[in-house]
């Protein structure tokens, strides 16, 4: 797991405690503040797709503006993140 993927999982894990999923644009801001500024929007979307394909994150169902996905961490994602915490 690369560091940007772990950063995404960390933010989604923290958001899970408040029961609020996070939008793609908000995730981009969060991980940019941690030094991942080189990860542009297409790169972030690719990383999110990879994490979703692995079953570590999932899109939250939305009725309004479903074209702007919000993300949540899955149980597998929480387990993997917990194993990789330093």
PDB file of N, CA and C in Angstrom:
ATOM      1  N   UNK A   1       0.860  -1.179   0.000  1.00  0.00           N
ATOM      2  CA  UNK A   1       0.000   0.000   0.000  1.00  0.00           C
ATOM      3  C   UNK A   1       0.900   1.233   0.000  1.00  0.00           C
ATOM      4  N   UNK A   2       0.659   2.134  -0.943  1.00  0.00           N
ATOM      5  CA  UNK A   2       1.470   3.352  -0.986  1.00  0.00           C
ATOM      6  C   UNK A   2       0.981   4.368   0.055  1.00  0.00           C
ATOM      7  N   UNK A   3       1.801   5.391   0.272  1.00  0.00           N
ATOM      8  CA  UNK A   3       1.503   6.356   1.338  1.00  0.00           C
ATOM      9  C   UNK A   3       0.269   7.197   1.058  1.00  0.00           C
ATOM     10  N   UNK A   4       0.018   7.522  -0.203  1.00  0.00           N
ATOM     11  CA  UNK A   4      -1.186   8.311  -0.498  1.00  0.00           C
ATOM     12  C   UNK A   4      -2.439   7.470  -0.250  1.00  0.00           C
ATOM     13  N   UNK A   5      -2.380   6.172  -0.552  1.00  0.00           N
ATOM     14  CA  UNK A   5      -3.512   5.284  -0.277  1.00  0.00           C
ATOM     15  C   UNK A   5      -3.777   5.182   1.215  1.00  0.00           C
ATOM     16  N   UNK A   6      -2.708   5.087   1.999  1.00  0.00           N
ATOM     17  CA  UNK A   6      -2.877   5.043   3.458  1.00  0.00           C
ATOM     18  C   UNK A   6      -3.442   6.355   3.991  1.00  0.00           C
ATOM     19  N   UNK A   7      -3.035   7.464   3.376  1.00  0.00           N
ATOM     20  CA  UNK A   7      -3.574   8.765   3.779  1.00  0.00           C
ATOM     21  C   UNK A   7      -5.080   8.834   3.513  1.00  0.00           C
ATOM     22  N   UNK A   8      -5.488   8.341   2.365  1.00  0.00           N
ATOM     23  CA  UNK A   8      -6.917   8.313   2.033  1.00  0.00           C
ATOM     24  C   UNK A   8      -7.667   7.462   3.050  1.00  0.00           C
ATOM     25  N   UNK A   9      -7.134   6.271   3.347  1.00  0.00           N
ATOM     26  CA  UNK A   9      -7.787   5.403   4.332  1.00  0.00           C
ATOM     27  C   UNK A   9      -7.855   6.076   5.697  1.00  0.00           C
ATOM     28  N   UNK A  10      -6.797   6.781   6.077  1.00  0.00           N
ATOM     29  CA  UNK A  10      -6.781   7.459   7.384  1.00  0.00           C
ATOM     30  C   UNK A  10      -7.893   8.496   7.478  1.00  0.00           C
ATOM     31  N   UNK A  11      -8.047   9.295   6.437  1.00  0.00           N
ATOM     32  CA  UNK A  11      -9.090  10.330   6.460  1.00  0.00           C
ATOM     33  C   UNK A  11     -10.488   9.723   6.437  1.00  0.00           C
ATOM     34  N   UNK A  12     -10.664   8.666   5.676  1.00  0.00           N
ATOM     35  CA  UNK A  12     -11.977   8.018   5.637  1.00  0.00           C
ATOM     36  C   UNK A  12     -12.274   7.298   6.951  1.00  0.00           C
ATOM     37  N   UNK A  13     -11.239   6.761   7.601  1.00  0.00           N
ATOM     38  CA  UNK A  13     -11.427   6.127   8.901  1.00  0.00           C
ATOM     39  C   UNK A  13     -11.853   7.169   9.933  1.00  0.00           C
ATOM     40  N   UNK A  14     -11.206   8.332   9.917  1.00  0.00           N
ATOM     41  CA  UNK A  14     -11.569   9.402  10.850  1.00  0.00           C
ATOM     42  C   UNK A  14     -12.991   9.884  10.586  1.00  0.00           C
ATOM     43  N   UNK A  15     -13.381   9.963   9.325  1.00  0.00           N
ATOM     44  CA  UNK A  15     -14.728  10.415   8.980  1.00  0.00           C
ATOM     45  C   UNK A  15     -15.780   9.394   9.382  1.00  0.00           C
ATOM     46  N   UNK A  16     -15.401   8.121   9.428  1.00  0.00           N
ATOM     47  CA  UNK A  16     -16.359   7.070   9.793  1.00  0.00           C
ATOM     48  C   UNK A  16     -16.882   7.268  11.216  1.00  0.00           C
ATOM     49  N   UNK A  17     -16.057   7.820  12.079  1.00  0.00           N
ATOM     50  CA  UNK A  17     -16.483   8.065  13.456  1.00  0.00           C
ATOM     51  C   UNK A  17     -17.598   9.094  13.528  1.00  0.00           C
ATOM     52  N   UNK A  18     -17.621  10.004  12.567  1.00  0.00           N
ATOM     53  CA  UNK A  18     -18.665  11.029  12.558  1.00  0.00           C
ATOM     54  C   UNK A  18     -19.828  10.646  11.642  1.00  0.00           C
ATOM     55  N   UNK A  19     -19.719   9.515  10.976  1.00  0.00           N
ATOM     56  CA  UNK A  19     -20.753   8.994  10.065  1.00  0.00           C
ATOM     57  C   UNK A  19     -20.966   9.861   8.836  1.00  0.00           C
ATOM     58  N   UNK A  20     -19.954  10.639   8.448  1.00  0.00           N
ATOM     59  CA  UNK A  20     -20.057  11.469   7.258  1.00  0.00           C
ATOM     60  C   UNK A  20     -19.069  11.000   6.205  1.00  0.00           C
ATOM     61  N   UNK A  21     -19.555  10.619   5.019  1.00  0.00           N
ATOM     62  CA  UNK A  21     -18.627  10.274   3.940  1.00  0.00           C
ATOM     63  C   UNK A  21     -17.925  11.540   3.445  1.00  0.00           C
ATOM     64  N   UNK A  22     -16.843  11.371   2.713  1.00  0.00           N
ATOM     65  CA  UNK A  22     -16.038  12.504   2.251  1.00  0.00           C
ATOM     66  C   UNK A  22     -16.065  12.552   0.724  1.00  0.00           C
ATOM     67  N   UNK A  23     -16.180  13.740   0.174  1.00  0.00           N
ATOM     68  CA  UNK A  23     -16.182  13.913  -1.279  1.00  0.00           C
ATOM     69  C   UNK A  23     -14.766  13.775  -1.837  1.00  0.00           C
ATOM     70  N   UNK A  24     -14.682  13.529  -3.124  1.00  0.00           N
ATOM     71  CA  UNK A  24     -13.390  13.408  -3.799  1.00  0.00           C
ATOM     72  C   UNK A  24     -12.595  14.697  -3.662  1.00  0.00           C
ATOM     73  N   UNK A  25     -13.244  15.838  -3.838  1.00  0.00           N
ATOM     74  CA  UNK A  25     -12.524  17.116  -3.751  1.00  0.00           C
ATOM     75  C   UNK A  25     -12.014  17.370  -2.334  1.00  0.00           C
ATOM     76  N   UNK A  26     -12.763  16.977  -1.335  1.00  0.00           N
ATOM     77  CA  UNK A  26     -12.316  17.152   0.048  1.00  0.00           C
ATOM     78  C   UNK A  26     -11.120  16.234   0.333  1.00  0.00           C
ATOM     79  N   UNK A  27     -11.175  14.998  -0.158  1.00  0.00           N
ATOM     80  CA  UNK A  27     -10.041  14.093   0.014  1.00  0.00           C
ATOM     81  C   UNK A  27      -8.787  14.666  -0.633  1.00  0.00           C
ATOM     82  N   UNK A  28      -8.952  15.255  -1.792  1.00  0.00           N
ATOM     83  CA  UNK A  28      -7.800  15.849  -2.493  1.00  0.00           C
ATOM     84  C   UNK A  28      -7.178  16.959  -1.651  1.00  0.00           C
ATOM     85  N   UNK A  29      -8.004  17.781  -1.039  1.00  0.00           N
ATOM     86  CA  UNK A  29      -7.492  18.853  -0.169  1.00  0.00           C
ATOM     87  C   UNK A  29      -6.774  18.275   1.045  1.00  0.00           C
ATOM     88  N   UNK A  30      -7.354  17.255   1.646  1.00  0.00           N
ATOM     89  CA  UNK A  30      -6.752  16.646   2.832  1.00  0.00           C
ATOM     90  C   UNK A  30      -5.373  16.065   2.525  1.00  0.00           C
ATOM     91  N   UNK A  31      -5.288  15.282   1.444  1.00  0.00           N
ATOM     92  CA  UNK A  31      -4.004  14.642   1.182  1.00  0.00           C
ATOM     93  C   UNK A  31      -2.979  15.622   0.611  1.00  0.00           C
ATOM     94  N   UNK A  32      -3.425  16.683  -0.054  1.00  0.00           N
ATOM     95  CA  UNK A  32      -2.494  17.723  -0.509  1.00  0.00           C
ATOM     96  C   UNK A  32      -1.862  18.414   0.691  1.00  0.00           C
ATOM     97  N   UNK A  33      -2.629  18.593   1.767  1.00  0.00           N
ATOM     98  CA  UNK A  33      -2.088  19.238   2.965  1.00  0.00           C
ATOM     99  C   UNK A  33      -1.046  18.359   3.656  1.00  0.00           C
ATOM    100  N   UNK A  34      -1.009  17.081   3.289  1.00  0.00           N
ATOM    101  CA  UNK A  34      -0.020  16.159   3.856  1.00  0.00           C
ATOM    102  C   UNK A  34       1.182  15.978   2.933  1.00  0.00           C
ATOM    103  N   UNK A  35       1.247  16.781   1.883  1.00  0.00           N
ATOM    104  CA  UNK A  35       2.407  16.744   1.003  1.00  0.00           C
ATOM    105  C   UNK A  35       2.214  15.993  -0.297  1.00  0.00           C
ATOM    106  N   UNK A  36       1.027  15.501  -0.577  1.00  0.00           N
ATOM    107  CA  UNK A  36       0.775  14.771  -1.814  1.00  0.00           C
ATOM    108  C   UNK A  36       0.200  15.711  -2.876  1.00  0.00           C
ATOM    109  N   UNK A  37       0.853  16.845  -3.070  1.00  0.00           N
ATOM    110  CA  UNK A  37       0.362  17.841  -4.024  1.00  0.00           C
ATOM    111  C   UNK A  37       0.494  17.374  -5.473  1.00  0.00           C
ATOM    112  N   UNK A  38       1.418  16.443  -5.732  1.00  0.00           N
ATOM    113  CA  UNK A  38       1.618  15.950  -7.095  1.00  0.00           C
ATOM    114  C   UNK A  38       0.466  15.058  -7.550  1.00  0.00           C
ATOM    115  N   UNK A  39      -0.365  14.615  -6.625  1.00  0.00           N
ATOM    116  CA  UNK A  39      -1.493  13.748  -6.981  1.00  0.00           C
ATOM    117  C   UNK A  39      -2.638  14.629  -7.481  1.00  0.00           C
ATOM    118  N   UNK A  40      -2.733  14.761  -8.809  1.00  0.00           N
ATOM    119  CA  UNK A  40      -3.773  15.592  -9.405  1.00  0.00           C
ATOM    120  C   UNK A  40      -5.111  14.852  -9.383  1.00  0.00           C
ATOM    121  N   UNK A  41      -6.150  15.498  -9.900  1.00  0.00           N
ATOM    122  CA  UNK A  41      -7.487  14.903  -9.860  1.00  0.00           C
ATOM    123  C   UNK A  41      -7.563  13.552 -10.573  1.00  0.00           C
ATOM    124  N   UNK A  42      -7.025  13.416 -11.802  1.00  0.00           N
ATOM    125  CA  UNK A  42      -7.057  12.094 -12.434  1.00  0.00           C
ATOM    126  C   UNK A  42      -6.283  11.044 -11.627  1.00  0.00           C
ATOM    127  N   UNK A  43      -5.160  11.444 -11.039  1.00  0.00           N
ATOM    128  CA  UNK A  43      -4.381  10.518 -10.221  1.00  0.00           C
ATOM    129  C   UNK A  43      -5.134  10.083  -8.984  1.00  0.00           C
ATOM    130  N   UNK A  44      -5.819  11.033  -8.347  1.00  0.00           N
ATOM    131  CA  UNK A  44      -6.610  10.706  -7.166  1.00  0.00           C
ATOM    132  C   UNK A  44      -7.766   9.779  -7.538  1.00  0.00           C
ATOM    133  N   UNK A  45      -8.426  10.071  -8.636  1.00  0.00           N
ATOM    134  CA  UNK A  45      -9.533   9.205  -9.059  1.00  0.00           C
ATOM    135  C   UNK A  45      -9.038   7.790  -9.348  1.00  0.00           C
ATOM    136  N   UNK A  46      -7.849   7.673  -9.917  1.00  0.00           N
ATOM    137  CA  UNK A  46      -7.261   6.359 -10.147  1.00  0.00           C
ATOM    138  C   UNK A  46      -6.969   5.636  -8.838  1.00  0.00           C
ATOM    139  N   UNK A  47      -6.451   6.369  -7.863  1.00  0.00           N
ATOM    140  CA  UNK A  47      -6.169   5.788  -6.552  1.00  0.00           C
ATOM    141  C   UNK A  47      -7.464   5.350  -5.863  1.00  0.00           C
ATOM    142  N   UNK A  48      -8.494   6.173  -5.954  1.00  0.00           N
ATOM    143  CA  UNK A  48      -9.785   5.819  -5.361  1.00  0.00           C
ATOM    144  C   UNK A  48     -10.371   4.585  -6.040  1.00  0.00           C
ATOM    145  N   UNK A  49     -10.245   4.509  -7.363  1.00  0.00           N
ATOM    146  CA  UNK A  49     -10.743   3.336  -8.088  1.00  0.00           C
ATOM    147  C   UNK A  49     -10.000   2.080  -7.653  1.00  0.00           C
ATOM    148  N   UNK A  50      -8.687   2.192  -7.488  1.00  0.00           N
ATOM    149  CA  UNK A  50      -7.884   1.056  -7.031  1.00  0.00           C
ATOM    150  C   UNK A  50      -8.352   0.590  -5.648  1.00  0.00           C
ATOM    151  N   UNK A  51      -8.518   1.539  -4.718  1.00  0.00           N
ATOM    152  CA  UNK A  51      -8.956   1.190  -3.368  1.00  0.00           C
ATOM    153  C   UNK A  51     -10.359   0.592  -3.378  1.00  0.00           C
ATOM    154  N   UNK A  52     -11.213   1.106  -4.253  1.00  0.00           N
ATOM    155  CA  UNK A  52     -12.565   0.554  -4.371  1.00  0.00           C
ATOM    156  C   UNK A  52     -12.511  -0.864  -4.953  1.00  0.00           C
ATOM    157  N   UNK A  53     -11.691  -1.069  -5.971  1.00  0.00           N
ATOM    158  CA  UNK A  53     -11.558  -2.401  -6.569  1.00  0.00           C
ATOM    159  C   UNK A  53     -11.033  -3.422  -5.557  1.00  0.00           C
ATOM    160  N   UNK A  54     -10.191  -2.977  -4.632  1.00  0.00           N
ATOM    161  CA  UNK A  54      -9.653  -3.856  -3.591  1.00  0.00           C
ATOM    162  C   UNK A  54     -10.652  -4.085  -2.454  1.00  0.00           C
ATOM    163  N   UNK A  55     -11.776  -3.354  -2.468  1.00  0.00           N
ATOM    164  CA  UNK A  55     -12.782  -3.504  -1.420  1.00  0.00           C
ATOM    165  C   UNK A  55     -12.434  -2.767  -0.142  1.00  0.00           C
ATOM    166  N   UNK A  56     -11.535  -1.772  -0.235  1.00  0.00           N
ATOM    167  CA  UNK A  56     -11.104  -1.037   0.950  1.00  0.00           C
ATOM    168  C   UNK A  56     -11.934   0.215   1.196  1.00  0.00           C
ATOM    169  N   UNK A  57     -12.525   0.753   0.138  1.00  0.00           N
ATOM    170  CA  UNK A  57     -13.426   1.898   0.239  1.00  0.00           C
ATOM    171  C   UNK A  57     -14.643   1.628  -0.640  1.00  0.00           C
ATOM    172  N   UNK A  58     -15.686   2.411  -0.425  1.00  0.00           N
ATOM    173  CA  UNK A  58     -16.900   2.269  -1.234  1.00  0.00           C
ATOM    174  C   UNK A  58     -17.541   3.641  -1.398  1.00  0.00           C
ATOM    175  N   UNK A  59     -18.264   3.795  -2.488  1.00  0.00           N
ATOM    176  CA  UNK A  59     -19.038   5.019  -2.687  1.00  0.00           C
ATOM    177  C   UNK A  59     -20.263   4.959  -1.787  1.00  0.00           C
ATOM    178  N   UNK A  60     -20.578   6.078  -1.185  1.00  0.00           N
ATOM    179  CA  UNK A  60     -21.805   6.172  -0.392  1.00  0.00           C
ATOM    180  C   UNK A  60     -22.954   6.510  -1.324  1.00  0.00           C
ATOM    181  N   UNK A  61     -24.091   5.855  -1.140  1.00  0.00           N
ATOM    182  CA  UNK A  61     -25.235   6.158  -2.006  1.00  0.00           C
ATOM    183  C   UNK A  61     -25.705   7.598  -1.811  1.00  0.00           C
ATOM    184  N   UNK A  62     -25.973   8.260  -2.925  1.00  0.00           N
ATOM    185  CA  UNK A  62     -26.430   9.650  -2.887  1.00  0.00           C
ATOM    186  C   UNK A  62     -27.629   9.811  -3.816  1.00  0.00           C
ATOM    187  N   UNK A  63     -28.632  10.524  -3.362  1.00  0.00           N
ATOM    188  CA  UNK A  63     -29.784  10.843  -4.195  1.00  0.00           C
ATOM    189  C   UNK A  63     -29.532  12.145  -4.951  1.00  0.00           C
ATOM    190  N   UNK A  64     -28.964  13.111  -4.261  1.00  0.00           N
ATOM    191  CA  UNK A  64     -28.675  14.410  -4.868  1.00  0.00           C
ATOM    192  C   UNK A  64     -27.233  14.416  -5.367  1.00  0.00           C
ATOM    193  N   UNK A  65     -27.036  14.802  -6.606  1.00  0.00           N
ATOM    194  CA  UNK A  65     -25.723  14.878  -7.255  1.00  0.00           C
ATOM    195  C   UNK A  65     -24.923  13.583  -7.157  1.00  0.00           C
ATOM    196  N   UNK A  66     -25.471  12.466  -7.620  1.00  0.00           N
ATOM    197  CA  UNK A  66     -24.720  11.212  -7.560  1.00  0.00           C
ATOM    198  C   UNK A  66     -23.460  11.222  -8.421  1.00  0.00           C
ATOM    199  N   UNK A  67     -23.352  12.189  -9.340  1.00  0.00           N
ATOM    200  CA  UNK A  67     -22.160  12.284 -10.185  1.00  0.00           C
ATOM    201  C   UNK A  67     -20.942  12.775  -9.404  1.00  0.00           C
ATOM    202  N   UNK A  68     -21.161  13.302  -8.201  1.00  0.00           N
ATOM    203  CA  UNK A  68     -20.082  13.744  -7.314  1.00  0.00           C
ATOM    204  C   UNK A  68     -19.997  12.755  -6.147  1.00  0.00           C
ATOM    205  N   UNK A  69     -19.228  11.676  -6.320  1.00  0.00           N
ATOM    206  CA  UNK A  69     -19.241  10.621  -5.300  1.00  0.00           C
ATOM    207  C   UNK A  69     -18.676  11.061  -3.957  1.00  0.00           C
ATOM    208  N   UNK A  70     -19.210  10.462  -2.935  1.00  0.00           N
ATOM    209  CA  UNK A  70     -18.681  10.583  -1.585  1.00  0.00           C
ATOM    210  C   UNK A  70     -18.210   9.194  -1.195  1.00  0.00           C
ATOM    211  N   UNK A  71     -17.161   9.132  -0.405  1.00  0.00           N
ATOM    212  CA  UNK A  71     -16.497   7.867  -0.102  1.00  0.00           C
ATOM    213  C   UNK A  71     -16.567   7.542   1.370  1.00  0.00           C
ATOM    214  N   UNK A  72     -16.553   6.240   1.648  1.00  0.00           N
ATOM    215  CA  UNK A  72     -16.492   5.753   3.018  1.00  0.00           C
ATOM    216  C   UNK A  72     -15.522   4.580   3.055  1.00  0.00           C
ATOM    217  N   UNK A  73     -14.957   4.318   4.205  1.00  0.00           N
ATOM    218  CA  UNK A  73     -14.053   3.189   4.369  1.00  0.00           C
ATOM    219  C   UNK A  73     -14.874   1.940   4.668  1.00  0.00           C
ATOM    220  N   UNK A  74     -14.413   0.800   4.182  1.00  0.00           N
ATOM    221  CA  UNK A  74     -15.093  -0.462   4.453  1.00  0.00           C
ATOM    222  C   UNK A  74     -14.420  -1.146   5.645  1.00  0.00           C
ATOM    223  N   UNK A  75     -15.000  -2.236   6.089  1.00  0.00           N
ATOM    224  CA  UNK A  75     -14.398  -2.996   7.192  1.00  0.00           C
ATOM    225  C   UNK A  75     -13.006  -3.496   6.791  1.00  0.00           C
ATOM    226  N   UNK A  76     -12.857  -3.950   5.557  1.00  0.00           N
ATOM    227  CA  UNK A  76     -11.537  -4.394   5.088  1.00  0.00           C
ATOM    228  C   UNK A  76     -10.545  -3.243   5.086  1.00  0.00           C
ATOM    229  N   UNK A  77     -10.996  -2.062   4.705  1.00  0.00           N
ATOM    230  CA  UNK A  77     -10.141  -0.884   4.704  1.00  0.00           C
ATOM    231  C   UNK A  77      -9.705  -0.501   6.110  1.00  0.00           C
ATOM    232  N   UNK A  78     -10.624  -0.589   7.058  1.00  0.00           N
ATOM    233  CA  UNK A  78     -10.272  -0.266   8.452  1.00  0.00           C
ATOM    234  C   UNK A  78      -9.254  -1.257   8.996  1.00  0.00           C
ATOM    235  N   UNK A  79      -9.431  -2.523   8.660  1.00  0.00           N
ATOM    236  CA  UNK A  79      -8.498  -3.546   9.128  1.00  0.00           C
ATOM    237  C   UNK A  79      -7.104  -3.318   8.528  1.00  0.00           C
ATOM    238  N   UNK A  80      -7.049  -3.060   7.228  1.00  0.00           N
ATOM    239  CA  UNK A  80      -5.764  -2.822   6.586  1.00  0.00           C
ATOM    240  C   UNK A  80      -5.096  -1.568   7.151  1.00  0.00           C
ATOM    241  N   UNK A  81      -5.862  -0.515   7.330  1.00  0.00           N
ATOM    242  CA  UNK A  81      -5.310   0.721   7.880  1.00  0.00           C
ATOM    243  C   UNK A  81      -4.760   0.478   9.295  1.00  0.00           C
ATOM    244  N   UNK A  82      -5.499  -0.236  10.111  1.00  0.00           N
ATOM    245  CA  UNK A  82      -5.057  -0.528  11.483  1.00  0.00           C
ATOM    246  C   UNK A  82      -3.748  -1.318  11.478  1.00  0.00           C
ATOM    247  N   UNK A  83      -3.584  -2.233  10.539  1.00  0.00           N
ATOM    248  CA  UNK A  83      -2.365  -3.034  10.449  1.00  0.00           C
ATOM    249  C   UNK A  83      -1.169  -2.211   9.996  1.00  0.00           C
ATOM    250  N   UNK A  84      -1.417  -1.116   9.271  1.00  0.00           N
ATOM    251  CA  UNK A  84      -0.323  -0.312   8.710  1.00  0.00           C
ATOM    252  C   UNK A  84      -0.029   0.958   9.486  1.00  0.00           C
ATOM    253  N   UNK A  85      -0.696   1.179  10.588  1.00  0.00           N
ATOM    254  CA  UNK A  85      -0.417   2.378  11.372  1.00  0.00           C
ATOM    255  C   UNK A  85       0.974   2.257  11.991  1.00  0.00           C
ATOM    256  N   UNK A  86       1.684   3.348  11.958  1.00  0.00           N
ATOM    257  CA  UNK A  86       3.048   3.329  12.521  1.00  0.00           C
ATOM    258  C   UNK A  86       3.068   3.887  13.921  1.00  0.00           C
TER     259      UNK A  86
END
